[in-house]
Every structure is written in C-alpha cells, then in structure tokens.
Amino acid sequence: MGSSEEKVVAVIMVGGPTKGTEFRPVSFNNPKPLFPLAGHPMIHHPISACKRIPNLAQVFLLGFYEEREFALYVSSISNELKVPVRYLREDKPHGSAGALYYFSDLIMEDSPSHIFLLNCDVCCSFPLPDMLNAHRRYGGMGTLLVIKVSFHLRVL
C-alpha cells in the first residue's frame, strides 16, 4: 500500500481541433473531449476513474483547444469530484511527447511520486488503483496497461 506521503498526478491528453471530418457536424460546436458518451462528456470518464486513485493531488488536461472551450467544464468537474483539474493549453500542437515535455515543469512542480498518463478518447474499465498497486509491487520505472487484441486481415 502507498503511504500518505505519496502524491499522485494524472495527465490526460485531450488533443486539439483537427481538420478531420469524422465527427462533423458535432465537432463544429464542441471539442471532441466534451462529446457526450454514456451520459457524460467523454473526458468525464477518465477523470472519474482518476478520482479512485489514492493520494491523487492533481489532474492535468493537456491539449491545444481554446481555453474558453474547457473553462466551464473544468470548474464544474473540479467542484463535483473534489479533485483539482487544470487545463494546460499548448501554444501549438506538440504531439503527445512534446506536450508532456512542454508542461513537464508544471506536472513535476509538487514532486509527484507517481504519474498516470491517459488519453481522453480511450474507453476501458480504468483499473487505476490496481495498476498503482502492481507498479509498487514490481518496482519498475513505468507500468503500461495493454490488452491483447486479435484481428483478422481480410484481403479483397
């Protein structure tokens, strides 16, 4: 089990507006992370899962949507879940690793003992407390949640 000295930070990658058309017309007025999914905005699901992580100190949302598009939601979810949520807007798209590097000082500001990295558009059961326990037990540098997916290639 973790100690009360631990500070855990969650970083959720939200991306940004694209020229793609796969979500039109919904994407004309809403950023993809705020699309409704199972009765809540898509981003709500990983944030809610993070709430179950012991010693969660902060949730960062990293992306390059306009801040005004997330302001109301971030305020609302912070109050609802009693977890500080902060949207960090990139000045331009840096890609996933670039965004982490760009905001690394802010993410590491309070010297977290563990960091969870999630993508807002991945849907799963989010076994985050179990992952943290496994990570502690095996003492690795990082722990990655994966699933084996079988697929069949069909040539026409």
Protein backbone atom coordinates (compact mmCIF):
# COMPACT_ATOMS: atom_id res chain seq x y z
CA MET A 1 0.00 0.00 0.00
CA GLY A 2 1.04 3.56 -0.57
CA SER A 3 1.96 5.99 2.14
CA SER A 4 0.21 9.24 2.92
CA GLU A 5 3.43 10.93 1.75
CA GLU A 6 2.70 9.96 -1.84
CA LYS A 7 1.37 12.47 -4.32
CA VAL A 8 -0.15 11.13 -7.50
CA VAL A 9 -0.75 13.24 -10.58
CA ALA A 10 -2.88 12.29 -13.57
CA VAL A 11 -2.21 13.71 -17.01
CA ILE A 12 -4.93 13.31 -19.61
CA MET A 13 -4.10 14.09 -23.22
CA VAL A 14 -7.06 15.83 -24.89
CA GLY A 15 -5.53 16.77 -28.26
CA GLY A 16 -6.98 19.61 -30.22
CA PRO A 17 -9.10 20.67 -33.16
CA THR A 18 -8.32 18.93 -36.41
CA LYS A 19 -9.36 19.36 -39.99
CA GLY A 20 -10.84 15.86 -39.96
CA THR A 21 -14.47 15.34 -40.80
CA GLU A 22 -15.23 12.12 -38.93
CA PHE A 23 -17.17 13.89 -36.17
CA ARG A 24 -18.94 16.54 -38.18
CA PRO A 25 -21.37 18.15 -37.56
CA VAL A 26 -20.97 17.52 -33.79
CA SER A 27 -17.40 18.82 -33.87
CA PHE A 28 -18.43 22.20 -35.24
CA ASN A 29 -19.62 23.34 -31.82
CA ASN A 30 -17.93 21.00 -29.33
CA PRO A 31 -14.37 19.81 -28.78
CA LYS A 32 -14.15 16.02 -29.03
CA PRO A 33 -13.34 15.53 -25.29
CA LEU A 34 -16.69 17.17 -24.47
CA PHE A 35 -18.74 14.92 -26.80
CA PRO A 36 -21.44 13.10 -24.84
CA LEU A 37 -20.61 9.46 -24.15
CA ALA A 38 -22.81 7.35 -21.84
CA GLY A 39 -24.49 10.43 -20.38
CA HIS A 40 -21.32 12.46 -19.68
CA PRO A 41 -18.68 14.28 -21.68
CA MET A 42 -16.03 11.83 -22.94
CA ILE A 43 -13.36 13.40 -20.70
CA HIS A 44 -15.53 12.76 -17.61
CA HIS A 45 -14.86 9.01 -17.69
CA PRO A 46 -11.06 9.05 -17.26
CA ILE A 47 -11.27 11.93 -14.76
CA SER A 48 -13.82 9.99 -12.69
CA ALA A 49 -11.56 6.93 -12.82
CA CYS A 50 -8.64 9.02 -11.56
CA LYS A 51 -10.70 10.03 -8.53
CA ARG A 52 -10.33 6.42 -7.29
CA ILE A 53 -6.52 6.71 -7.18
CA PRO A 54 -5.28 7.06 -3.59
CA ASN A 55 -3.46 10.34 -2.85
CA LEU A 56 -4.50 11.97 -6.14
CA ALA A 57 -3.23 15.54 -5.91
CA GLN A 58 -3.99 16.95 -9.36
CA VAL A 59 -5.41 16.17 -12.79
CA PHE A 60 -3.91 17.97 -15.76
CA LEU A 61 -5.62 18.11 -19.14
CA LEU A 62 -3.12 18.80 -21.93
CA GLY A 63 -4.22 20.00 -25.34
CA PHE A 64 -4.48 22.84 -27.77
CA TYR A 65 -8.18 23.64 -27.79
CA GLU A 66 -9.05 27.20 -26.80
CA GLU A 67 -9.16 27.54 -23.01
CA ARG A 68 -12.66 29.02 -23.10
CA GLU A 69 -13.95 25.73 -24.53
CA PHE A 70 -12.92 23.87 -21.35
CA ALA A 71 -13.24 26.55 -18.64
CA LEU A 72 -16.79 25.81 -17.55
CA TYR A 73 -16.32 22.04 -17.62
CA VAL A 74 -13.01 22.14 -15.71
CA SER A 75 -14.55 24.29 -12.99
CA SER A 76 -17.61 22.07 -12.77
CA ILE A 77 -15.75 18.73 -12.64
CA SER A 78 -13.24 20.05 -10.09
CA ASN A 79 -16.09 21.00 -7.77
CA GLU A 80 -18.10 17.85 -8.41
CA LEU A 81 -15.26 15.38 -7.85
CA LYS A 82 -13.34 17.44 -5.28
CA VAL A 83 -10.17 16.99 -7.33
CA PRO A 84 -8.18 19.93 -8.72
CA VAL A 85 -8.39 19.76 -12.51
CA ARG A 86 -6.32 22.13 -14.60
CA TYR A 87 -6.34 22.61 -18.37
CA LEU A 88 -2.93 23.40 -19.84
CA ARG A 89 -3.13 24.79 -23.36
CA GLU A 90 -0.25 24.32 -25.75
CA ASP A 91 0.72 27.28 -27.88
CA LYS A 92 0.70 24.92 -30.88
CA PRO A 93 0.33 21.17 -31.33
CA HIS A 94 3.47 19.50 -29.99
CA GLY A 95 2.31 15.88 -30.20
CA SER A 96 1.90 13.70 -27.12
CA ALA A 97 5.53 13.53 -26.05
CA GLY A 98 6.02 17.18 -26.96
CA ALA A 99 3.12 18.27 -24.76
CA LEU A 100 4.50 16.29 -21.83
CA TYR A 101 7.90 17.91 -22.28
CA TYR A 102 6.38 21.36 -22.81
CA PHE A 103 4.50 21.17 -19.48
CA SER A 104 6.95 18.97 -17.55
CA ASP A 105 7.84 21.71 -15.05
CA LEU A 106 4.18 22.21 -14.12
CA ILE A 107 3.47 18.47 -13.98
CA MET A 108 6.50 17.89 -11.74
CA GLU A 109 6.04 21.07 -9.68
CA ASP A 110 4.95 19.31 -6.46
CA SER A 111 7.30 16.33 -6.96
CA PRO A 112 4.67 13.65 -7.55
CA SER A 113 5.66 10.13 -6.59
CA HIS A 114 3.59 8.63 -9.42
CA ILE A 115 2.12 9.95 -12.67
CA PHE A 116 -0.72 8.41 -14.63
CA LEU A 117 -0.87 9.22 -18.33
CA LEU A 118 -4.16 8.67 -20.15
CA ASN A 119 -5.77 9.63 -23.43
CA CYS A 120 -9.23 11.14 -23.17
CA ASP A 121 -10.64 9.10 -26.04
CA VAL A 122 -9.75 5.66 -24.69
CA CYS A 123 -12.63 3.81 -23.10
CA CYS A 124 -12.00 0.98 -20.66
CA SER A 125 -12.66 -0.10 -17.11
CA PHE A 126 -9.73 2.06 -15.90
CA PRO A 127 -8.29 -0.25 -13.20
CA LEU A 128 -6.03 2.57 -11.99
CA PRO A 129 -5.76 1.66 -8.27
CA ASP A 130 -4.86 -1.93 -9.27
CA MET A 131 -2.26 -0.60 -11.70
CA LEU A 132 -0.72 1.54 -8.98
CA ASN A 133 -0.56 -1.42 -6.61
CA ALA A 134 1.07 -3.59 -9.30
CA HIS A 135 3.51 -0.80 -10.09
CA ARG A 136 4.53 -0.53 -6.44
CA ARG A 137 4.80 -4.32 -6.09
CA TYR A 138 7.08 -4.77 -9.10
CA GLY A 139 9.04 -1.55 -8.60
CA GLY A 140 9.50 -0.71 -12.25
CA MET A 141 10.08 2.66 -13.82
CA GLY A 142 6.71 2.54 -15.54
CA THR A 143 3.68 0.34 -15.82
CA LEU A 144 1.67 0.11 -19.02
CA LEU A 145 -1.89 -1.16 -19.32
CA VAL A 146 -2.39 -3.09 -22.54
CA ILE A 147 -4.73 -5.68 -23.90
CA LYS A 148 -4.10 -8.33 -26.48
CA VAL A 149 -6.31 -7.75 -29.48
CA SER A 150 -6.64 -10.32 -32.18
CA PHE A 151 -7.64 -9.26 -35.62
CA HIS A 152 -8.05 -10.87 -38.94
CA LEU A 153 -6.67 -9.31 -42.08
CA ARG A 154 -9.01 -9.70 -44.96
CA VAL A 155 -7.76 -9.04 -48.44
CA LEU A 156 -10.39 -8.24 -51.03
